[in-house]
Structures are given as C-alpha cells and as structure tokens.
Amino acid sequence: MRALRTMLSAIAIVAGATLVVLWLVSWVGVKAVEDGAATERIVVVALKNPAVTDRIGTEMKDRAFAELADQGVDLEVWGLGDAAADSITSLVETEAFRDSVVEQLESARGQLHDELTDSHRAPAPFEVAINTSDLVNDRIDEIAVVGGRVPDVSVGAVRIEVVSADTFEKARTGYDRMEFAKRYFLWAGLALIVLGMLVSTRRRFVIAKFLAAVGVFSLVAYAALVVIGPERIAGLIPGGGDGGWSEVFSDVIAESALPIVTGKLLLAAWIALAGAAVAALLGYLMGRSRR
C-alpha cells in the first residue's frame, strides 16, 4: 500500500508540473497575440517573402498608373513609364515602407486576436490593410522632369495576406487549445499537487518534489524550444500537424514570442529549483524537529 501511494503521489506531481509548464508556455503565447506583438512579427516576416512583396509592389504600381490614367496623365508620353513602374514596385524593399507598415499596425494590434477568436468568421486568409498612398506619391514626385507636376494619386489600402486560409483555420483551432490551457492548466496542476500531497507518505517533501519537477520540466522545455524548435515540437504533440498546434507554434511562438517564452521558462526553472531547495530544507528541518 505504501508503494502504491508513493507511485500515485509521484504521478500526480509529474503530471501537475507538466500542466504548470504548459500553462506558462500557453500564457506567454496568448499574451503575445492579445497585445499585438504577434501581429507585428508575422507581418514583418511575411514582408521578407519575395512572393508577397512582388505582389504588393505590382498592385501599388497598377493602382497608381490606373489613377494617373483617370487624371489624364500618361508617363509613357515622356518615356518615363518603365522608370516609374520600377520605382514604385521597388518601394516595398525600402526601410521607409517597412517603417510605415509597422507604424500602421499599431491600429491593428487586436486584429489577430479578434479573428482567431471570432466563432462566426468564415474561412479566409488572415490579411492586414496598409495605406501606401503617401509613399507612392513621394516616389512619383521624385521622377525627373515631371514628378512635381503629376497630381497626387490615391492607391487605396493594399491588403497583405499574412496567413493562408487553410493554415489560419488550423491556427484558430490551435489557439483555442492554448486559451484552454491558459485558463485551466495552472489550476489543474495545483489540484494535482494537492492530490499528490494527500496520498504521499512523506508530505513534508511534496512541495519540494513538485517545485523540482516544475524546474526540471521548465529547463527541458527551454532546451527543446531552443534546440529542437517550436515547429518540430508541435509535430510531436498528438494532432499537432493537423490540429492547429503547428500553426500556432510557428506563427505565434516561433515568430513572435520565442525569446519571451524561453526567457520565462528559464526564469521559472531557476525560481522553482531555488524554491525546491528551500522547501526540501524546511521539510528536513520539520522531520528533525519531530524526533
């Protein structure tokens, strides 16, 4: 009976520590989405994709030329059509364009969270709208000879597809699981430590064992995220590849919150291990005082 109680206590402690570590990872990931840091990061990453930037550049150029044509301006007459087209399409490669995108994302910080959690959202890509009219007009003004005489154009908001529709639907499922973990795993972990304490034959060391397990699991999770990577970890989780975990881990954890998550895990590991040492010492002293 004593051996059975010891085994049950150990299982409860290990399971509780695992849930607490998963809660910490989920809490940091959800926070990155809620405060908008994830939105900014994945957009910046998307802008490093040539396929994305080429489409944006072409769309800006086509809209600008169509607007100029509506105003009776034909740059081809002056032989400047190709130069103007190249100048506008290359705008996406400039630091000014990236800075403008990041600045405009301030007003869209809650967009990712809203669309991830909107139960009525129809399957569609995750996109952000960026106004590029000012940048395009500045480029047109720089055109030699006629730049200053060309009227301003309004190219409208350019929509940047950040995540495909299929991937985003999987990410919505994964994010729902992360929110569930954030909401319940801490309490479930604490409940398991209470259970481990109740069935343990040496209760004075249960807290020390629990904190030690949290510390060790936090270090293991830290090493796994740094060495293996979030995407491969998601693939090891049951249903990870098809259930949405991989999308959340790659688009949220890997691209926006990995330094924060690993930092929190490392901090939690040292705090938990230090707490375990203190709890073990107190347990030892309590045992001596009873003799």
Protein backbone atom coordinates (compact mmCIF):
# COMPACT_ATOMS: atom_id res chain seq x y z
CA MET A 1 0.00 0.00 0.00
CA ARG A 2 2.86 2.36 0.85
CA ALA A 3 4.49 1.72 -2.53
CA LEU A 4 1.21 2.36 -4.34
CA ARG A 5 0.72 5.67 -2.54
CA THR A 6 4.28 6.68 -3.37
CA MET A 7 3.74 5.86 -7.05
CA LEU A 8 0.42 7.75 -7.20
CA SER A 9 1.98 10.75 -5.50
CA ALA A 10 4.86 10.74 -7.99
CA ILE A 11 2.48 10.51 -10.95
CA ALA A 12 0.38 13.40 -9.60
CA ILE A 13 3.48 15.54 -9.03
CA VAL A 14 4.89 14.89 -12.52
CA ALA A 15 1.51 15.47 -14.20
CA GLY A 16 0.93 18.64 -12.18
CA ALA A 17 4.37 20.02 -13.04
CA THR A 18 3.79 19.27 -16.74
CA LEU A 19 0.48 21.14 -16.71
CA VAL A 20 2.06 24.14 -14.98
CA VAL A 21 4.82 24.36 -17.62
CA LEU A 22 2.29 24.03 -20.45
CA TRP A 23 0.23 26.75 -18.78
CA LEU A 24 3.27 29.06 -18.73
CA VAL A 25 4.01 28.48 -22.44
CA SER A 26 0.35 28.99 -23.36
CA TRP A 27 0.06 32.12 -21.21
CA VAL A 28 3.03 33.76 -22.94
CA GLY A 29 1.78 32.74 -26.40
CA VAL A 30 -1.74 34.04 -25.78
CA LYS A 31 -0.35 37.27 -24.34
CA ALA A 32 1.74 37.80 -27.49
CA VAL A 33 -1.45 37.60 -29.56
CA GLU A 34 -3.53 39.73 -27.21
CA ASP A 35 -1.06 42.63 -27.00
CA GLY A 36 -0.47 42.66 -30.77
CA ALA A 37 3.19 41.64 -30.73
CA ALA A 38 2.41 38.53 -32.77
CA THR A 39 0.57 40.55 -35.43
CA GLU A 40 3.53 42.84 -35.94
CA ARG A 41 6.02 40.00 -36.03
CA ILE A 42 4.25 37.77 -38.55
CA VAL A 43 3.61 40.73 -40.87
CA VAL A 44 7.29 41.67 -40.76
CA VAL A 45 8.18 38.05 -41.54
CA ALA A 46 5.66 37.98 -44.40
CA LEU A 47 7.31 41.05 -45.92
CA LYS A 48 10.55 39.06 -46.21
CA ASN A 49 8.81 36.70 -48.63
CA PRO A 50 9.58 37.79 -52.24
CA ALA A 51 6.25 36.39 -53.46
CA VAL A 52 4.40 38.66 -51.03
CA THR A 53 6.46 41.78 -51.74
CA ASP A 54 6.30 41.26 -55.53
CA ARG A 55 2.51 41.10 -55.39
CA ILE A 56 2.30 44.22 -53.21
CA GLY A 57 4.68 46.14 -55.47
CA THR A 58 2.78 45.15 -58.61
CA GLU A 59 -0.56 46.07 -57.03
CA MET A 60 0.71 49.50 -55.96
CA LYS A 61 2.12 50.16 -59.44
CA ASP A 62 -1.06 49.08 -61.24
CA ARG A 63 -3.27 51.17 -58.99
CA ALA A 64 -1.04 54.23 -59.28
CA PHE A 65 -0.93 54.01 -63.09
CA ALA A 66 -4.70 53.47 -63.27
CA GLU A 67 -5.27 56.53 -61.07
CA LEU A 68 -2.90 58.62 -63.17
CA ALA A 69 -4.70 57.50 -66.34
CA ASP A 70 -8.02 58.57 -64.84
CA GLN A 71 -6.50 62.02 -64.30
CA GLY A 72 -5.24 62.15 -67.89
CA VAL A 73 -1.57 61.59 -67.05
CA ASP A 74 0.39 59.19 -69.27
CA LEU A 75 4.01 58.79 -68.18
CA GLU A 76 4.77 56.80 -71.33
CA VAL A 77 4.47 60.05 -73.32
CA TRP A 78 7.61 61.32 -71.57
CA GLY A 79 9.28 57.90 -71.80
CA LEU A 80 9.13 57.53 -68.02
CA GLY A 81 6.70 54.62 -67.73
CA ASP A 82 9.28 51.92 -67.08
CA ALA A 83 11.29 54.08 -64.67
CA ALA A 84 8.16 54.98 -62.72
CA ALA A 85 7.00 51.36 -62.63
CA ASP A 86 10.36 50.15 -61.33
CA SER A 87 10.49 52.94 -58.75
CA ILE A 88 7.04 52.14 -57.35
CA THR A 89 7.41 48.34 -57.34
CA SER A 90 10.79 48.58 -55.59
CA LEU A 91 9.20 50.69 -52.86
CA VAL A 92 8.42 47.52 -50.86
CA GLU A 93 12.14 46.88 -50.43
CA THR A 94 12.78 50.18 -48.67
CA GLU A 95 13.11 50.84 -44.96
CA ALA A 96 10.53 53.63 -45.29
CA PHE A 97 7.94 51.11 -46.47
CA ARG A 98 8.65 48.70 -43.60
CA ASP A 99 8.56 51.52 -41.06
CA SER A 100 5.22 52.70 -42.45
CA VAL A 101 3.79 49.19 -42.20
CA VAL A 102 4.90 48.76 -38.59
CA GLU A 103 3.54 52.19 -37.68
CA GLN A 104 0.15 51.43 -39.21
CA LEU A 105 0.00 48.08 -37.41
CA GLU A 106 -0.43 49.99 -34.15
CA SER A 107 -4.10 50.41 -35.08
CA ALA A 108 -4.45 46.71 -35.95
CA ARG A 109 -2.89 45.20 -32.83
CA GLY A 110 -6.07 43.45 -31.77
CA GLN A 111 -6.93 42.18 -35.24
CA LEU A 112 -5.14 38.83 -34.95
CA HIS A 113 -6.74 38.05 -31.59
CA ASP A 114 -10.19 39.12 -32.81
CA GLU A 115 -10.03 36.94 -35.91
CA LEU A 116 -8.56 33.96 -34.08
CA THR A 117 -11.40 34.02 -31.55
CA ASP A 118 -14.34 35.05 -33.77
CA SER A 119 -16.57 31.96 -33.92
CA HIS A 120 -18.55 33.46 -36.83
CA ARG A 121 -15.52 34.16 -39.04
CA ALA A 122 -15.80 32.46 -42.42
CA PRO A 123 -12.68 30.58 -43.61
CA ALA A 124 -10.41 33.15 -45.24
CA PRO A 125 -6.77 34.24 -45.21
CA PHE A 126 -5.56 36.49 -42.42
CA GLU A 127 -4.83 39.85 -44.04
CA VAL A 128 -3.87 43.32 -42.89
CA ALA A 129 -4.63 46.50 -44.84
CA ILE A 130 -1.84 49.03 -45.36
CA ASN A 131 -2.28 52.51 -46.83
CA THR A 132 0.58 53.25 -49.23
CA SER A 133 -0.70 56.40 -50.98
CA ASP A 134 1.76 58.79 -49.28
CA LEU A 135 4.74 56.59 -50.08
CA VAL A 136 3.67 56.16 -53.71
CA ASN A 137 3.14 59.90 -54.16
CA ASP A 138 6.59 60.61 -52.72
CA ARG A 139 8.07 58.21 -55.25
CA ILE A 140 6.20 59.80 -58.13
CA ASP A 141 7.36 63.26 -57.01
CA GLU A 142 10.96 62.03 -57.31
CA ILE A 143 10.53 61.24 -61.01
CA ALA A 144 12.76 63.52 -63.05
CA VAL A 145 11.23 66.35 -65.10
CA VAL A 146 7.53 65.66 -64.45
CA GLY A 147 7.44 64.48 -60.85
CA GLY A 148 6.46 67.82 -59.37
CA ARG A 149 3.69 68.36 -61.97
CA VAL A 150 1.96 65.00 -61.52
CA PRO A 151 -1.13 65.21 -59.27
CA ASP A 152 -1.33 63.10 -56.12
CA VAL A 153 -2.93 59.71 -56.51
CA SER A 154 -4.90 57.55 -54.10
CA VAL A 155 -3.96 53.89 -54.44
CA GLY A 156 -6.18 52.78 -51.59
CA ALA A 157 -5.32 50.23 -48.94
CA VAL A 158 -3.14 47.33 -50.06
CA ARG A 159 -4.09 44.06 -48.36
CA ILE A 160 -1.23 41.84 -47.27
CA GLU A 161 -2.04 38.15 -46.97
CA VAL A 162 -0.11 37.06 -43.91
CA VAL A 163 -1.52 33.56 -43.35
CA SER A 164 -3.36 31.38 -45.86
CA ALA A 165 -6.99 30.44 -45.24
CA ASP A 166 -6.29 26.75 -44.55
CA THR A 167 -3.40 27.49 -42.22
CA PHE A 168 -5.34 30.16 -40.36
CA GLU A 169 -8.28 27.83 -39.75
CA LYS A 170 -5.90 25.31 -38.19
CA ALA A 171 -4.29 28.10 -36.18
CA ARG A 172 -7.73 29.07 -34.84
CA THR A 173 -8.16 25.53 -33.52
CA GLY A 174 -4.70 25.55 -32.00
CA TYR A 175 -5.18 28.96 -30.42
CA ASP A 176 -8.42 27.78 -28.84
CA ARG A 177 -6.44 24.98 -27.22
CA MET A 178 -3.82 27.43 -25.99
CA GLU A 179 -6.52 29.59 -24.42
CA PHE A 180 -7.98 26.47 -22.77
CA ALA A 181 -4.53 25.61 -21.41
CA LYS A 182 -4.03 29.18 -20.17
CA ARG A 183 -7.41 29.14 -18.46
CA TYR A 184 -7.32 25.73 -16.74
CA PHE A 185 -3.88 24.09 -16.70
CA LEU A 186 -2.50 26.10 -13.78
CA TRP A 187 -5.45 25.20 -11.56
CA ALA A 188 -5.36 21.59 -12.71
CA GLY A 189 -1.64 21.45 -11.94
CA LEU A 190 -2.18 22.87 -8.45
CA ALA A 191 -5.04 20.40 -7.89
CA LEU A 192 -2.70 17.54 -8.78
CA ILE A 193 -0.08 18.74 -6.32
CA VAL A 194 -2.76 18.78 -3.62
CA LEU A 195 -3.69 15.25 -4.63
CA GLY A 196 -0.04 14.23 -4.53
CA MET A 197 0.23 15.72 -1.06
CA LEU A 198 -2.84 13.86 0.19
CA VAL A 199 -1.67 10.44 -0.99
CA SER A 200 2.02 10.91 -0.22
CA THR A 201 3.57 9.07 2.69
CA ARG A 202 6.09 11.89 3.19
CA ARG A 203 4.02 15.02 2.82
CA ARG A 204 6.64 17.44 4.02
CA PHE A 205 8.64 16.86 0.82
CA VAL A 206 5.75 17.06 -1.66
CA ILE A 207 6.15 20.79 -2.29
CA ALA A 208 9.88 20.34 -2.83
CA LYS A 209 9.26 17.50 -5.29
CA PHE A 210 6.64 19.50 -7.15
CA LEU A 211 8.86 22.57 -7.47
CA ALA A 212 11.79 20.42 -8.52
CA ALA A 213 9.65 18.81 -11.21
CA VAL A 214 8.47 22.23 -12.44
CA GLY A 215 12.08 23.42 -12.54
CA VAL A 216 13.33 20.38 -14.44
CA PHE A 217 10.41 20.40 -16.91
CA SER A 218 10.90 24.12 -17.49
CA LEU A 219 14.55 23.53 -18.31
CA VAL A 220 13.62 20.64 -20.62
CA ALA A 221 11.00 22.80 -22.37
CA TYR A 222 13.54 25.64 -22.69
CA ALA A 223 16.14 23.34 -24.21
CA ALA A 224 13.57 21.78 -26.54
CA LEU A 225 12.38 25.15 -27.85
CA VAL A 226 15.93 26.39 -28.39
CA VAL A 227 17.49 23.22 -29.81
CA ILE A 228 14.61 21.37 -31.49
CA GLY A 229 12.42 24.36 -32.41
CA PRO A 230 8.71 25.12 -31.92
CA GLU A 231 7.57 23.66 -35.25
CA ARG A 232 9.11 20.22 -34.64
CA ILE A 233 7.77 20.20 -31.08
CA ALA A 234 4.28 20.90 -32.40
CA GLY A 235 4.63 17.93 -34.74
CA LEU A 236 5.32 15.67 -31.75
CA ILE A 237 2.13 16.75 -29.97
CA PRO A 238 -0.83 14.42 -30.68
CA GLY A 239 -2.74 16.03 -33.54
CA GLY A 240 -0.08 18.71 -33.84
CA GLY A 241 0.40 18.64 -37.58
CA ASP A 242 -3.30 18.51 -38.38
CA GLY A 243 -4.89 20.00 -35.31
CA GLY A 244 -3.54 23.53 -35.41
CA TRP A 245 -0.75 23.37 -32.84
CA SER A 246 1.96 23.57 -35.51
CA GLU A 247 0.47 26.75 -36.99
CA VAL A 248 0.23 28.45 -33.61
CA PHE A 249 3.73 27.37 -32.59
CA SER A 250 5.28 28.50 -35.89
CA ASP A 251 3.27 31.68 -36.45
CA VAL A 252 2.95 32.81 -32.83
CA ILE A 253 5.65 31.20 -30.73
CA ALA A 254 8.46 30.86 -33.27
CA GLU A 255 7.96 34.19 -34.99
CA SER A 256 6.96 36.48 -32.17
CA ALA A 257 7.24 35.16 -28.67
CA LEU A 258 10.08 32.62 -28.68
CA PRO A 259 12.56 34.87 -26.80
CA ILE A 260 9.84 35.76 -24.29
CA VAL A 261 8.76 32.13 -23.81
CA THR A 262 12.30 30.83 -23.38
CA GLY A 263 13.13 33.69 -21.02
CA LYS A 264 10.07 32.96 -18.88
CA LEU A 265 10.83 29.23 -18.85
CA LEU A 266 14.41 29.83 -17.76
CA LEU A 267 13.30 32.25 -15.04
CA ALA A 268 10.60 29.82 -13.87
CA ALA A 269 13.16 26.99 -13.79
CA TRP A 270 15.58 28.84 -11.52
CA ILE A 271 12.82 30.12 -9.24
CA ALA A 272 11.25 26.66 -8.98
CA LEU A 273 14.58 24.92 -8.32
CA ALA A 274 15.52 27.51 -5.68
CA GLY A 275 12.07 27.10 -4.11
CA ALA A 276 12.52 23.31 -4.19
CA ALA A 277 15.81 23.61 -2.31
CA VAL A 278 14.20 25.82 0.34
CA ALA A 279 11.14 23.54 0.64
CA ALA A 280 13.38 20.47 0.93
CA LEU A 281 15.39 22.14 3.69
CA LEU A 282 12.22 23.08 5.56
CA GLY A 283 10.91 19.54 5.16
CA TYR A 284 14.17 18.16 6.50
CA LEU A 285 14.09 20.51 9.48
CA MET A 286 10.46 19.63 10.18
CA GLY A 287 11.40 15.95 10.22
CA ARG A 288 14.22 16.55 12.66
CA SER A 289 12.04 18.63 14.98
CA ARG A 290 9.61 15.73 15.32
CA ARG A 291 12.29 13.37 16.56
